[in-house]
PDB file of N, CA and C in Angstrom:
ATOM      1  N   MET A   1     306.906 171.562 -19.439  1.00  0.00           N
ATOM      2  CA  MET A   1     306.605 172.117 -18.441  1.00  0.00           C
ATOM      3  C   MET A   1     306.092 171.389 -17.139  1.00  0.00           C
ATOM      4  N   ALA A   2     305.384 170.508 -17.631  1.00  0.00           N
ATOM      5  CA  ALA A   2     304.533 169.518 -16.571  1.00  0.00           C
ATOM      6  C   ALA A   2     305.560 168.548 -15.954  1.00  0.00           C
ATOM      7  N   SER A   3     306.945 168.229 -16.564  1.00  0.00           N
ATOM      8  CA  SER A   3     307.837 167.359 -16.047  1.00  0.00           C
ATOM      9  C   SER A   3     308.465 168.428 -14.962  1.00  0.00           C
ATOM     10  N   GLN A   4     308.685 169.709 -15.408  1.00  0.00           N
ATOM     11  CA  GLN A   4     309.380 170.633 -14.281  1.00  0.00           C
ATOM     12  C   GLN A   4     308.520 170.657 -13.033  1.00  0.00           C
ATOM     13  N   THR A   5     307.168 170.832 -13.155  1.00  0.00           N
ATOM     14  CA  THR A   5     305.892 170.797 -12.172  1.00  0.00           C
ATOM     15  C   THR A   5     306.184 169.544 -11.325  1.00  0.00           C
ATOM     16  N   GLN A   6     306.282 168.556 -12.013  1.00  0.00           N
ATOM     17  CA  GLN A   6     306.472 167.347 -11.367  1.00  0.00           C
ATOM     18  C   GLN A   6     307.659 167.099 -10.540  1.00  0.00           C
ATOM     19  N   GLY A   7     308.720 167.496 -11.032  1.00  0.00           N
ATOM     20  CA  GLY A   7     309.960 167.653 -10.607  1.00  0.00           C
ATOM     21  C   GLY A   7     309.893 168.546  -9.214  1.00  0.00           C
ATOM     22  N   ILE A   8     309.220 169.543  -9.285  1.00  0.00           N
ATOM     23  CA  ILE A   8     309.259 170.672  -8.036  1.00  0.00           C
ATOM     24  C   ILE A   8     308.313 169.933  -6.925  1.00  0.00           C
ATOM     25  N   GLN A   9     307.396 169.253  -7.595  1.00  0.00           N
ATOM     26  CA  GLN A   9     306.460 168.477  -6.650  1.00  0.00           C
ATOM     27  C   GLN A   9     307.138 167.581  -5.838  1.00  0.00           C
ATOM     28  N   GLN A  10     308.040 166.610  -6.695  1.00  0.00           N
ATOM     29  CA  GLN A  10     308.829 165.368  -5.923  1.00  0.00           C
ATOM     30  C   GLN A  10     309.982 166.308  -5.091  1.00  0.00           C
ATOM     31  N   LEU A  11     310.508 167.393  -5.222  1.00  0.00           N
ATOM     32  CA  LEU A  11     311.528 168.070  -4.463  1.00  0.00           C
ATOM     33  C   LEU A  11     310.672 168.511  -3.067  1.00  0.00           C
ATOM     34  N   LEU A  12     309.542 169.176  -3.228  1.00  0.00           N
ATOM     35  CA  LEU A  12     308.728 169.755  -2.000  1.00  0.00           C
ATOM     36  C   LEU A  12     308.372 168.458  -1.231  1.00  0.00           C
ATOM     37  N   ALA A  13     308.089 167.395  -1.938  1.00  0.00           N
ATOM     38  CA  ALA A  13     307.532 165.998  -1.108  1.00  0.00           C
ATOM     39  C   ALA A  13     308.897 165.630  -0.313  1.00  0.00           C
ATOM     40  N   ALA A  14     310.187 165.619  -0.998  1.00  0.00           N
ATOM     41  CA  ALA A  14     311.272 165.299  -0.380  1.00  0.00           C
ATOM     42  C   ALA A  14     311.639 166.072   0.601  1.00  0.00           C
ATOM     43  N   GLU A  15     311.578 167.173   0.570  1.00  0.00           N
ATOM     44  CA  GLU A  15     311.640 168.293   1.518  1.00  0.00           C
ATOM     45  C   GLU A  15     310.912 168.159   2.943  1.00  0.00           C
ATOM     46  N   LYS A  16     309.488 167.851   2.545  1.00  0.00           N
ATOM     47  CA  LYS A  16     308.953 167.778   3.794  1.00  0.00           C
ATOM     48  C   LYS A  16     309.191 166.538   4.380  1.00  0.00           C
ATOM     49  N   LYS A  17     309.243 165.347   3.759  1.00  0.00           N
ATOM     50  CA  LYS A  17     309.671 164.116   4.193  1.00  0.00           C
ATOM     51  C   LYS A  17     311.104 163.987   5.127  1.00  0.00           C
ATOM     52  N   ALA A  18     312.035 164.911   4.793  1.00  0.00           N
ATOM     53  CA  ALA A  18     313.123 165.191   5.271  1.00  0.00           C
ATOM     54  C   ALA A  18     312.869 166.136   6.595  1.00  0.00           C
ATOM     55  N   ALA A  19     312.072 166.974   6.574  1.00  0.00           N
ATOM     56  CA  ALA A  19     311.610 167.942   7.492  1.00  0.00           C
ATOM     57  C   ALA A  19     310.953 167.034   8.711  1.00  0.00           C
ATOM     58  N   GLU A  20     310.142 166.179   8.214  1.00  0.00           N
ATOM     59  CA  GLU A  20     309.511 164.961   9.148  1.00  0.00           C
ATOM     60  C   GLU A  20     310.574 164.160  10.001  1.00  0.00           C
ATOM     61  N   LYS A  21     311.644 163.802   9.175  1.00  0.00           N
ATOM     62  CA  LYS A  21     312.523 163.082   9.699  1.00  0.00           C
ATOM     63  C   LYS A  21     313.523 163.610  10.607  1.00  0.00           C
ATOM     64  N   VAL A  22     313.727 164.858  10.499  1.00  0.00           N
ATOM     65  CA  VAL A  22     314.610 165.880  11.349  1.00  0.00           C
ATOM     66  C   VAL A  22     313.651 166.099  12.656  1.00  0.00           C
ATOM     67  N   ALA A  23     312.399 166.525  12.467  1.00  0.00           N
ATOM     68  CA  ALA A  23     311.606 166.672  13.779  1.00  0.00           C
ATOM     69  C   ALA A  23     311.513 165.327  14.393  1.00  0.00           C
ATOM     70  N   GLU A  24     311.257 164.165  13.897  1.00  0.00           N
ATOM     71  CA  GLU A  24     311.297 163.000  14.745  1.00  0.00           C
ATOM     72  C   GLU A  24     312.553 162.660  15.334  1.00  0.00           C
ATOM     73  N   ALA A  25     313.635 162.994  14.661  1.00  0.00           N
ATOM     74  CA  ALA A  25     314.993 162.651  15.233  1.00  0.00           C
ATOM     75  C   ALA A  25     315.303 163.480  16.355  1.00  0.00           C
ATOM     76  N   ARG A  26     314.776 164.824  16.167  1.00  0.00           N
ATOM     77  CA  ARG A  26     314.839 165.779  17.314  1.00  0.00           C
ATOM     78  C   ARG A  26     313.980 165.426  18.554  1.00  0.00           C
ATOM     79  N   LYS A  27     312.753 165.020  18.351  1.00  0.00           N
ATOM     80  CA  LYS A  27     311.803 164.175  19.498  1.00  0.00           C
ATOM     81  C   LYS A  27     312.305 163.277  20.041  1.00  0.00           C
ATOM     82  N   ARG A  28     313.205 162.159  19.216  1.00  0.00           N
ATOM     83  CA  ARG A  28     313.860 160.935  19.950  1.00  0.00           C
ATOM     84  C   ARG A  28     314.942 161.561  20.729  1.00  0.00           C
ATOM     85  N   LYS A  29     315.606 162.612  20.284  1.00  0.00           N
ATOM     86  CA  LYS A  29     316.897 163.087  21.083  1.00  0.00           C
ATOM     87  C   LYS A  29     316.489 163.616  22.379  1.00  0.00           C
ATOM     88  N   ALA A  30     315.329 164.488  22.401  1.00  0.00           N
ATOM     89  CA  ALA A  30     314.882 164.912  23.443  1.00  0.00           C
ATOM     90  C   ALA A  30     314.268 163.862  24.622  1.00  0.00           C
ATOM     91  N   ARG A  31     313.846 162.661  23.995  1.00  0.00           N
ATOM     92  CA  ARG A  31     313.480 161.979  24.951  1.00  0.00           C
ATOM     93  C   ARG A  31     314.489 161.047  25.415  1.00  0.00           C
ATOM     94  N   ARG A  32     315.560 160.773  24.738  1.00  0.00           N
ATOM     95  CA  ARG A  32     316.724 160.081  25.151  1.00  0.00           C
ATOM     96  C   ARG A  32     317.629 161.086  26.397  1.00  0.00           C
ATOM     97  N   LEU A  33     317.395 162.562  26.096  1.00  0.00           N
ATOM     98  CA  LEU A  33     318.075 163.334  27.044  1.00  0.00           C
ATOM     99  C   LEU A  33     317.320 163.273  28.338  1.00  0.00           C
ATOM    100  N   LYS A  34     315.810 163.313  28.250  1.00  0.00           N
ATOM    101  CA  LYS A  34     314.887 163.205  29.422  1.00  0.00           C
ATOM    102  C   LYS A  34     315.229 161.743  29.998  1.00  0.00           C
ATOM    103  N   GLN A  35     315.316 160.881  29.391  1.00  0.00           N
ATOM    104  CA  GLN A  35     315.627 159.689  29.903  1.00  0.00           C
ATOM    105  C   GLN A  35     316.838 159.373  30.584  1.00  0.00           C
ATOM    106  N   ALA A  36     318.093 159.958  30.085  1.00  0.00           N
ATOM    107  CA  ALA A  36     319.261 159.938  30.451  1.00  0.00           C
ATOM    108  C   ALA A  36     319.405 160.752  31.627  1.00  0.00           C
ATOM    109  N   LYS A  37     318.721 161.904  31.929  1.00  0.00           N
ATOM    110  CA  LYS A  37     318.555 162.934  33.215  1.00  0.00           C
ATOM    111  C   LYS A  37     318.111 162.058  34.138  1.00  0.00           C
ATOM    112  N   ASP A  38     316.800 161.535  33.928  1.00  0.00           N
ATOM    113  CA  ASP A  38     316.017 160.692  34.878  1.00  0.00           C
ATOM    114  C   ASP A  38     316.981 159.698  35.470  1.00  0.00           C
ATOM    115  N   GLU A  39     317.798 158.924  34.681  1.00  0.00           N
ATOM    116  CA  GLU A  39     318.659 157.686  34.960  1.00  0.00           C
ATOM    117  C   GLU A  39     319.616 158.490  35.903  1.00  0.00           C
ATOM    118  N   ALA A  40     320.342 159.489  35.490  1.00  0.00           N
ATOM    119  CA  ALA A  40     321.268 160.015  36.237  1.00  0.00           C
ATOM    120  C   ALA A  40     320.924 160.660  37.572  1.00  0.00           C
ATOM    121  N   THR A  41     319.561 161.169  37.831  1.00  0.00           N
ATOM    122  CA  THR A  41     318.983 161.661  38.948  1.00  0.00           C
ATOM    123  C   THR A  41     318.782 160.394  39.895  1.00  0.00           C
ATOM    124  N   GLU A  42     318.380 159.377  39.513  1.00  0.00           N
ATOM    125  CA  GLU A  42     317.977 158.106  40.189  1.00  0.00           C
ATOM    126  C   GLU A  42     319.528 157.692  40.676  1.00  0.00           C
ATOM    127  N   GLU A  43     320.500 157.594  39.816  1.00  0.00           N
ATOM    128  CA  GLU A  43     321.738 156.994  40.114  1.00  0.00           C
ATOM    129  C   GLU A  43     322.328 158.004  41.265  1.00  0.00           C
ATOM    130  N   ILE A  44     322.268 159.057  41.085  1.00  0.00           N
ATOM    131  CA  ILE A  44     322.895 160.007  42.080  1.00  0.00           C
ATOM    132  C   ILE A  44     321.978 160.055  43.258  1.00  0.00           C
ATOM    133  N   GLU A  45     320.739 159.634  43.478  1.00  0.00           N
ATOM    134  CA  GLU A  45     319.865 159.524  44.715  1.00  0.00           C
ATOM    135  C   GLU A  45     320.471 158.367  45.309  1.00  0.00           C
ATOM    136  N   LYS A  46     320.704 156.956  44.686  1.00  0.00           N
ATOM    137  CA  LYS A  46     320.961 155.903  45.085  1.00  0.00           C
ATOM    138  C   LYS A  46     322.413 156.266  45.897  1.00  0.00           C
ATOM    139  N   PHE A  47     323.479 156.782  45.130  1.00  0.00           N
ATOM    140  CA  PHE A  47     324.672 157.122  45.555  1.00  0.00           C
ATOM    141  C   PHE A  47     324.626 158.058  46.846  1.00  0.00           C
ATOM    142  N   ARG A  48     323.608 158.872  47.038  1.00  0.00           N
ATOM    143  CA  ARG A  48     323.618 159.553  48.205  1.00  0.00           C
ATOM    144  C   ARG A  48     322.972 158.857  49.330  1.00  0.00           C
ATOM    145  N   GLN A  49     322.197 158.024  49.105  1.00  0.00           N
ATOM    146  CA  GLN A  49     321.551 157.224  50.024  1.00  0.00           C
ATOM    147  C   GLN A  49     322.721 156.154  50.367  1.00  0.00           C
ATOM    148  N   GLU A  50     323.266 155.575  49.740  1.00  0.00           N
ATOM    149  CA  GLU A  50     324.391 154.630  50.063  1.00  0.00           C
ATOM    150  C   GLU A  50     325.359 155.409  50.958  1.00  0.00           C
ATOM    151  N   ARG A  51     325.969 156.635  50.639  1.00  0.00           N
ATOM    152  CA  ARG A  51     326.966 157.569  51.398  1.00  0.00           C
ATOM    153  C   ARG A  51     326.407 157.785  52.563  1.00  0.00           C
ATOM    154  N   GLU A  52     325.025 158.094  52.710  1.00  0.00           N
ATOM    155  CA  GLU A  52     324.456 158.556  54.044  1.00  0.00           C
ATOM    156  C   GLU A  52     324.316 157.252  54.851  1.00  0.00           C
ATOM    157  N   ARG A  53     324.099 156.210  54.462  1.00  0.00           N
ATOM    158  CA  ARG A  53     324.041 154.817  55.279  1.00  0.00           C
ATOM    159  C   ARG A  53     325.285 154.738  55.676  1.00  0.00           C
ATOM    160  N   SER A  54     326.565 154.918  54.837  1.00  0.00           N
ATOM    161  CA  SER A  54     327.972 154.306  55.495  1.00  0.00           C
ATOM    162  C   SER A  54     328.323 155.392  56.361  1.00  0.00           C
ATOM    163  N   PHE A  55     327.752 156.621  56.176  1.00  0.00           N
ATOM    164  CA  PHE A  55     328.148 157.868  57.154  1.00  0.00           C
ATOM    165  C   PHE A  55     327.521 157.254  58.682  1.00  0.00           C
ATOM    166  N   LYS A  56     326.284 156.945  58.694  1.00  0.00           N
ATOM    167  CA  LYS A  56     325.477 156.758  59.891  1.00  0.00           C
ATOM    168  C   LYS A  56     326.225 155.412  60.365  1.00  0.00           C
ATOM    169  N   GLU A  57     326.767 154.572  59.836  1.00  0.00           N
ATOM    170  CA  GLU A  57     327.331 153.540  60.059  1.00  0.00           C
ATOM    171  C   GLU A  57     328.635 153.851  60.947  1.00  0.00           C
ATOM    172  N   PHE A  58     329.496 154.631  60.157  1.00  0.00           N
ATOM    173  CA  PHE A  58     330.726 155.011  60.653  1.00  0.00           C
ATOM    174  C   PHE A  58     330.590 155.843  61.955  1.00  0.00           C
ATOM    175  N   GLU A  59     329.312 156.858  61.978  1.00  0.00           N
ATOM    176  CA  GLU A  59     329.256 157.590  63.219  1.00  0.00           C
ATOM    177  C   GLU A  59     328.883 156.784  64.356  1.00  0.00           C
ATOM    178  N   ALA A  60     328.063 155.637  64.046  1.00  0.00           N
ATOM    179  CA  ALA A  60     327.534 154.862  65.196  1.00  0.00           C
ATOM    180  C   ALA A  60     328.667 153.992  65.697  1.00  0.00           C
ATOM    181  N   LYS A  61     329.527 153.568  64.837  1.00  0.00           N
ATOM    182  CA  LYS A  61     330.764 152.789  65.246  1.00  0.00           C
ATOM    183  C   LYS A  61     331.603 153.735  65.985  1.00  0.00           C
ATOM    184  N   HIS A  62     332.059 155.009  65.512  1.00  0.00           N
ATOM    185  CA  HIS A  62     333.175 155.871  66.344  1.00  0.00           C
ATOM    186  C   HIS A  62     332.628 156.512  67.392  1.00  0.00           C
ATOM    187  N   MET A  63     331.272 157.225  67.238  1.00  0.00           N
ATOM    188  CA  MET A  63     330.840 158.031  68.193  1.00  0.00           C
ATOM    189  C   MET A  63     329.819 157.633  69.116  1.00  0.00           C
ATOM    190  N   GLY A  64     329.161 156.530  68.930  1.00  0.00           N
ATOM    191  CA  GLY A  64     328.185 156.034  69.370  1.00  0.00           C
ATOM    192  C   GLY A  64     326.704 156.696  69.125  1.00  0.00           C
ATOM    193  N   SER A  65     325.538 156.287  69.880  1.00  0.00           N
ATOM    194  CA  SER A  65     324.666 156.941  69.302  1.00  0.00           C
ATOM    195  C   SER A  65     324.494 158.195  70.049  1.00  0.00           C
ATOM    196  N   ARG A  66     323.465 159.063  69.516  1.00  0.00           N
ATOM    197  CA  ARG A  66     323.422 160.644  69.851  1.00  0.00           C
ATOM    198  C   ARG A  66     322.743 160.294  71.107  1.00  0.00           C
ATOM    199  N   GLU A  67     322.150 159.572  71.564  1.00  0.00           N
ATOM    200  CA  GLU A  67     321.817 159.502  73.062  1.00  0.00           C
ATOM    201  C   GLU A  67     322.696 159.348  73.956  1.00  0.00           C
ATOM    202  N   GLY A  68     323.903 158.456  73.404  1.00  0.00           N
ATOM    203  CA  GLY A  68     325.086 158.183  74.471  1.00  0.00           C
ATOM    204  C   GLY A  68     325.775 159.482  74.500  1.00  0.00           C
ATOM    205  N   VAL A  69     325.979 160.351  73.467  1.00  0.00           N
ATOM    206  CA  VAL A  69     326.740 161.494  73.594  1.00  0.00           C
ATOM    207  C   VAL A  69     326.139 162.425  74.313  1.00  0.00           C
ATOM    208  N   ALA A  70     324.854 162.742  74.134  1.00  0.00           N
ATOM    209  CA  ALA A  70     323.896 163.533  75.088  1.00  0.00           C
ATOM    210  C   ALA A  70     324.014 163.224  76.629  1.00  0.00           C
ATOM    211  N   ALA A  71     324.010 161.895  76.964  1.00  0.00           N
ATOM    212  CA  ALA A  71     324.172 161.344  78.171  1.00  0.00           C
ATOM    213  C   ALA A  71     325.439 161.574  78.895  1.00  0.00           C
ATOM    214  N   LYS A  72     326.484 161.426  77.872  1.00  0.00           N
ATOM    215  CA  LYS A  72     327.838 161.880  78.581  1.00  0.00           C
ATOM    216  C   LYS A  72     328.090 163.287  78.819  1.00  0.00           C
ATOM    217  N   ILE A  73     327.486 164.125  77.804  1.00  0.00           N
ATOM    218  CA  ILE A  73     327.591 165.629  78.095  1.00  0.00           C
ATOM    219  C   ILE A  73     326.806 166.094  79.248  1.00  0.00           C
ATOM    220  N   ASP A  74     325.665 165.511  79.650  1.00  0.00           N
ATOM    221  CA  ASP A  74     324.857 165.909  80.721  1.00  0.00           C
ATOM    222  C   ASP A  74     325.873 165.273  81.972  1.00  0.00           C
ATOM    223  N   ALA A  75     326.065 164.341  81.850  1.00  0.00           N
ATOM    224  CA  ALA A  75     326.914 163.600  83.109  1.00  0.00           C
ATOM    225  C   ALA A  75     328.169 164.837  83.421  1.00  0.00           C
ATOM    226  N   ASP A  76     328.995 165.067  82.316  1.00  0.00           N
ATOM    227  CA  ASP A  76     330.166 166.073  82.554  1.00  0.00           C
ATOM    228  C   ASP A  76     329.413 167.400  82.990  1.00  0.00           C
ATOM    229  N   THR A  77     328.477 167.776  82.537  1.00  0.00           N
ATOM    230  CA  THR A  77     327.907 169.102  83.025  1.00  0.00           C
ATOM    231  C   THR A  77     327.704 169.003  84.621  1.00  0.00           C
ATOM    232  N   ARG A  78     326.996 167.706  84.859  1.00  0.00           N
ATOM    233  CA  ARG A  78     326.386 167.598  86.310  1.00  0.00           C
ATOM    234  C   ARG A  78     327.949 167.723  87.199  1.00  0.00           C
ATOM    235  N   VAL A  79     328.817 166.961  86.790  1.00  0.00           N
ATOM    236  CA  VAL A  79     330.237 166.774  87.522  1.00  0.00           C
ATOM    237  C   VAL A  79     330.678 168.142  87.621  1.00  0.00           C
ATOM    238  N   LYS A  80     331.023 169.140  86.487  1.00  0.00           N
ATOM    239  CA  LYS A  80     331.683 170.459  86.563  1.00  0.00           C
ATOM    240  C   LYS A  80     330.672 171.316  87.501  1.00  0.00           C
ATOM    241  N   LEU A  81     329.347 171.298  87.457  1.00  0.00           N
ATOM    242  CA  LEU A  81     328.508 172.089  88.163  1.00  0.00           C
ATOM    243  C   LEU A  81     328.746 171.726  89.724  1.00  0.00           C
ATOM    244  N   ALA A  82     328.785 170.246  90.011  1.00  0.00           N
ATOM    245  CA  ALA A  82     329.206 170.079  91.419  1.00  0.00           C
ATOM    246  C   ALA A  82     330.531 170.504  91.908  1.00  0.00           C
ATOM    247  N   ASP A  83     331.456 170.651  90.841  1.00  0.00           N
ATOM    248  CA  ASP A  83     332.806 171.007  91.463  1.00  0.00           C
ATOM    249  C   ASP A  83     332.723 172.590  91.623  1.00  0.00           C
ATOM    250  N   MET A  84     331.955 173.406  90.711  1.00  0.00           N
ATOM    251  CA  MET A  84     331.840 174.737  90.837  1.00  0.00           C
ATOM    252  C   MET A  84     330.982 175.066  92.261  1.00  0.00           C
ATOM    253  N   GLU A  85     330.063 174.396  92.697  1.00  0.00           N
ATOM    254  CA  GLU A  85     329.361 174.581  93.939  1.00  0.00           C
ATOM    255  C   GLU A  85     330.125 174.083  94.986  1.00  0.00           C
ATOM    256  N   GLY A  86     331.032 173.432  94.856  1.00  0.00           N
ATOM    257  CA  GLY A  86     331.872 173.012  95.987  1.00  0.00           C
ATOM    258  C   GLY A  86     333.055 174.077  96.429  1.00  0.00           C
ATOM    259  N   ALA A  87     333.488 174.659  95.058  1.00  0.00           N
ATOM    260  CA  ALA A  87     334.366 175.621  95.138  1.00  0.00           C
ATOM    261  C   ALA A  87     333.592 177.000  95.663  1.00  0.00           C
ATOM    262  N   ILE A  88     332.373 177.110  95.409  1.00  0.00           N
ATOM    263  CA  ILE A  88     331.813 178.378  95.941  1.00  0.00           C
ATOM    264  C   ILE A  88     331.541 178.031  97.555  1.00  0.00           C
ATOM    265  N   LYS A  89     331.088 177.074  97.737  1.00  0.00           N
ATOM    266  CA  LYS A  89     330.931 176.663  99.318  1.00  0.00           C
ATOM    267  C   LYS A  89     332.417 176.941 100.160  1.00  0.00           C
ATOM    268  N   THR A  90     333.383 176.695  99.480  1.00  0.00           N
ATOM    269  CA  THR A  90     334.781 176.642 100.454  1.00  0.00           C
ATOM    270  C   THR A  90     335.187 178.277 100.252  1.00  0.00           C
ATOM    271  N   ARG A  91     335.031 178.917  99.135  1.00  0.00           N
ATOM    272  CA  ARG A  91     335.530 180.137  99.179  1.00  0.00           C
ATOM    273  C   ARG A  91     334.756 181.328  99.435  1.00  0.00           C
ATOM    274  N   LYS A  92     333.418 181.019  99.638  1.00  0.00           N
ATOM    275  CA  LYS A  92     332.383 182.086  99.651  1.00  0.00           C
ATOM    276  C   LYS A  92     332.681 183.023 100.840  1.00  0.00           C
ATOM    277  N   GLU A  93     332.828 182.413 102.134  1.00  0.00           N
ATOM    278  CA  GLU A  93     333.198 183.162 102.995  1.00  0.00           C
ATOM    279  C   GLU A  93     334.202 184.171 103.123  1.00  0.00           C
ATOM    280  N   PRO A  94     335.389 183.671 102.672  1.00  0.00           N
ATOM    281  CA  PRO A  94     336.506 184.462 102.621  1.00  0.00           C
ATOM    282  C   PRO A  94     336.382 185.629 101.626  1.00  0.00           C
ATOM    283  N   VAL A  95     335.756 185.414 100.699  1.00  0.00           N
ATOM    284  CA  VAL A  95     335.710 186.437  99.579  1.00  0.00           C
ATOM    285  C   VAL A  95     334.668 187.455 100.068  1.00  0.00           C
ATOM    286  N   ILE A  96     333.618 187.068 100.827  1.00  0.00           N
ATOM    287  CA  ILE A  96     332.657 187.951 101.488  1.00  0.00           C
ATOM    288  C   ILE A  96     333.460 188.744 102.347  1.00  0.00           C
ATOM    289  N   GLN A  97     334.293 188.250 103.372  1.00  0.00           N
ATOM    290  CA  GLN A  97     335.084 188.994 104.378  1.00  0.00           C
ATOM    291  C   GLN A  97     335.949 190.107 103.694  1.00  0.00           C
ATOM    292  N   GLU A  98     336.608 189.686 102.608  1.00  0.00           N
ATOM    293  CA  GLU A  98     337.589 190.654 101.778  1.00  0.00           C
ATOM    294  C   GLU A  98     336.794 191.871 101.227  1.00  0.00           C
ATOM    295  N   ILE A  99     335.698 191.465 100.548  1.00  0.00           N
ATOM    296  CA  ILE A  99     334.779 192.488  99.871  1.00  0.00           C
ATOM    297  C   ILE A  99     334.160 193.466 101.169  1.00  0.00           C
ATOM    298  N   LEU A 100     334.048 192.845 102.144  1.00  0.00           N
ATOM    299  CA  LEU A 100     333.479 193.781 103.416  1.00  0.00           C
ATOM    300  C   LEU A 100     334.582 194.577 103.914  1.00  0.00           C
ATOM    301  N   GLN A 101     335.954 194.078 104.011  1.00  0.00           N
ATOM    302  CA  GLN A 101     336.991 194.669 104.446  1.00  0.00           C
ATOM    303  C   GLN A 101     337.250 195.978 103.440  1.00  0.00           C
ATOM    304  N   PHE A 102     337.052 195.761 102.064  1.00  0.00           N
ATOM    305  CA  PHE A 102     337.186 196.927 101.237  1.00  0.00           C
ATOM    306  C   PHE A 102     336.193 197.921 101.417  1.00  0.00           C
ATOM    307  N   VAL A 103     335.148 197.553 101.626  1.00  0.00           N
ATOM    308  CA  VAL A 103     334.089 198.539 101.958  1.00  0.00           C
ATOM    309  C   VAL A 103     334.331 199.155 103.341  1.00  0.00           C
ATOM    310  N   TYR A 104     334.515 198.582 104.391  1.00  0.00           N
ATOM    311  CA  TYR A 104     334.659 199.210 105.779  1.00  0.00           C
ATOM    312  C   TYR A 104     335.949 200.079 105.689  1.00  0.00           C
ATOM    313  N   ASN A 105     336.987 199.563 105.078  1.00  0.00           N
ATOM    314  CA  ASN A 105     338.096 200.476 105.390  1.00  0.00           C
ATOM    315  C   ASN A 105     338.551 201.536 104.185  1.00  0.00           C
ATOM    316  N   ILE A 106     337.704 202.527 104.233  1.00  0.00           N
ATOM    317  CA  ILE A 106     337.728 203.610 103.496  1.00  0.00           C
ATOM    318  C   ILE A 106     338.846 204.753 103.929  1.00  0.00           C
ATOM    319  N   SER A 107     339.512 204.977 103.035  1.00  0.00           N
ATOM    320  CA  SER A 107     340.420 206.198 103.473  1.00  0.00           C
ATOM    321  C   SER A 107     340.367 207.157 102.541  1.00  0.00           C
ATOM    322  N   PRO A 108     339.581 208.321 102.952  1.00  0.00           N
ATOM    323  CA  PRO A 108     339.004 209.405 102.301  1.00  0.00           C
ATOM    324  C   PRO A 108     340.387 210.107 102.042  1.00  0.00           C
ATOM    325  N   GLU A 109     340.560 210.468 100.698  1.00  0.00           N
ATOM    326  CA  GLU A 109     341.674 211.415  99.948  1.00  0.00           C
ATOM    327  C   GLU A 109     341.100 212.426  99.065  1.00  0.00           C
ATOM    328  N   VAL A 110     342.042 213.402  99.002  1.00  0.00           N
ATOM    329  CA  VAL A 110     341.484 214.366  97.869  1.00  0.00           C
ATOM    330  C   VAL A 110     342.122 213.663  96.656  1.00  0.00           C
ATOM    331  N   HIS A 111     341.363 213.920  95.427  1.00  0.00           N
ATOM    332  CA  HIS A 111     341.891 213.415  94.330  1.00  0.00           C
ATOM    333  C   HIS A 111     343.013 214.191  93.935  1.00  0.00           C
ATOM    334  N   LYS A 112     344.003 213.492  92.970  1.00  0.00           N
ATOM    335  CA  LYS A 112     345.151 214.152  92.698  1.00  0.00           C
ATOM    336  C   LYS A 112     345.075 215.043  91.516  1.00  0.00           C
ATOM    337  N   ASN A 113     343.879 215.333  90.838  1.00  0.00           N
ATOM    338  CA  ASN A 113     343.419 216.169  89.965  1.00  0.00           C
ATOM    339  C   ASN A 113     342.792 217.451  90.454  1.00  0.00           C
ATOM    340  N   TYR A 114     342.315 217.384  91.573  1.00  0.00           N
ATOM    341  CA  TYR A 114     341.536 218.344  92.464  1.00  0.00           C
ATOM    342  C   TYR A 114     342.442 219.795  92.593  1.00  0.00           C
ATOM    343  N   ASN A 115     341.838 220.683  92.059  1.00  0.00           N
ATOM    344  CA  ASN A 115     342.716 222.187  92.282  1.00  0.00           C
ATOM    345  C   ASN A 115     341.838 223.017  93.167  1.00  0.00           C
ATOM    346  N   ARG A 116     342.676 223.459  94.279  1.00  0.00           N
ATOM    347  CA  ARG A 116     341.922 224.450  95.128  1.00  0.00           C
ATOM    348  C   ARG A 116     342.189 225.736  94.597  1.00  0.00           C
ATOM    349  N   LYS A 117     341.613 226.497  94.486  1.00  0.00           N
ATOM    350  CA  LYS A 117     341.747 227.769  93.975  1.00  0.00           C
ATOM    351  C   LYS A 117     341.473 229.001  94.638  1.00  0.00           C
TER     352      LYS A 117
END
C-alpha cells in the first residue's frame, strides 16, 4: 500500500511539474507574441514614415510647394476678377438701358385666361 501511495505522490508531483512547464510555456508564448506585435508596429510605423517622406518629395518635385500653389491660385483669381470687372464696365450701360426699355415699354393686355362674364 505504501508503494501505491508513493506512486500516486510521484504522479501528482509529475503532473504538477508538467502543469508548471505548460504555464511557463504559455507565458513565453504570450511574451513572444507581444514582442512580435511591438516589432510589427514599429516596422509599420517606419514604413509609413518612409512612404510619407517619399510622397512629400514627390509632391514637392511635381507640384511645388503649397505656398507656390496658393500664390498661383491667388494670381489666377485676381486675373479673372479683373476680366470680370472689365466686362462689367463695358457692358453695364447697354444692359441698364435694355432693362429700362423693358420697364418703360409696357403694353397692357388682358390675360388670355381672363373670362368676362
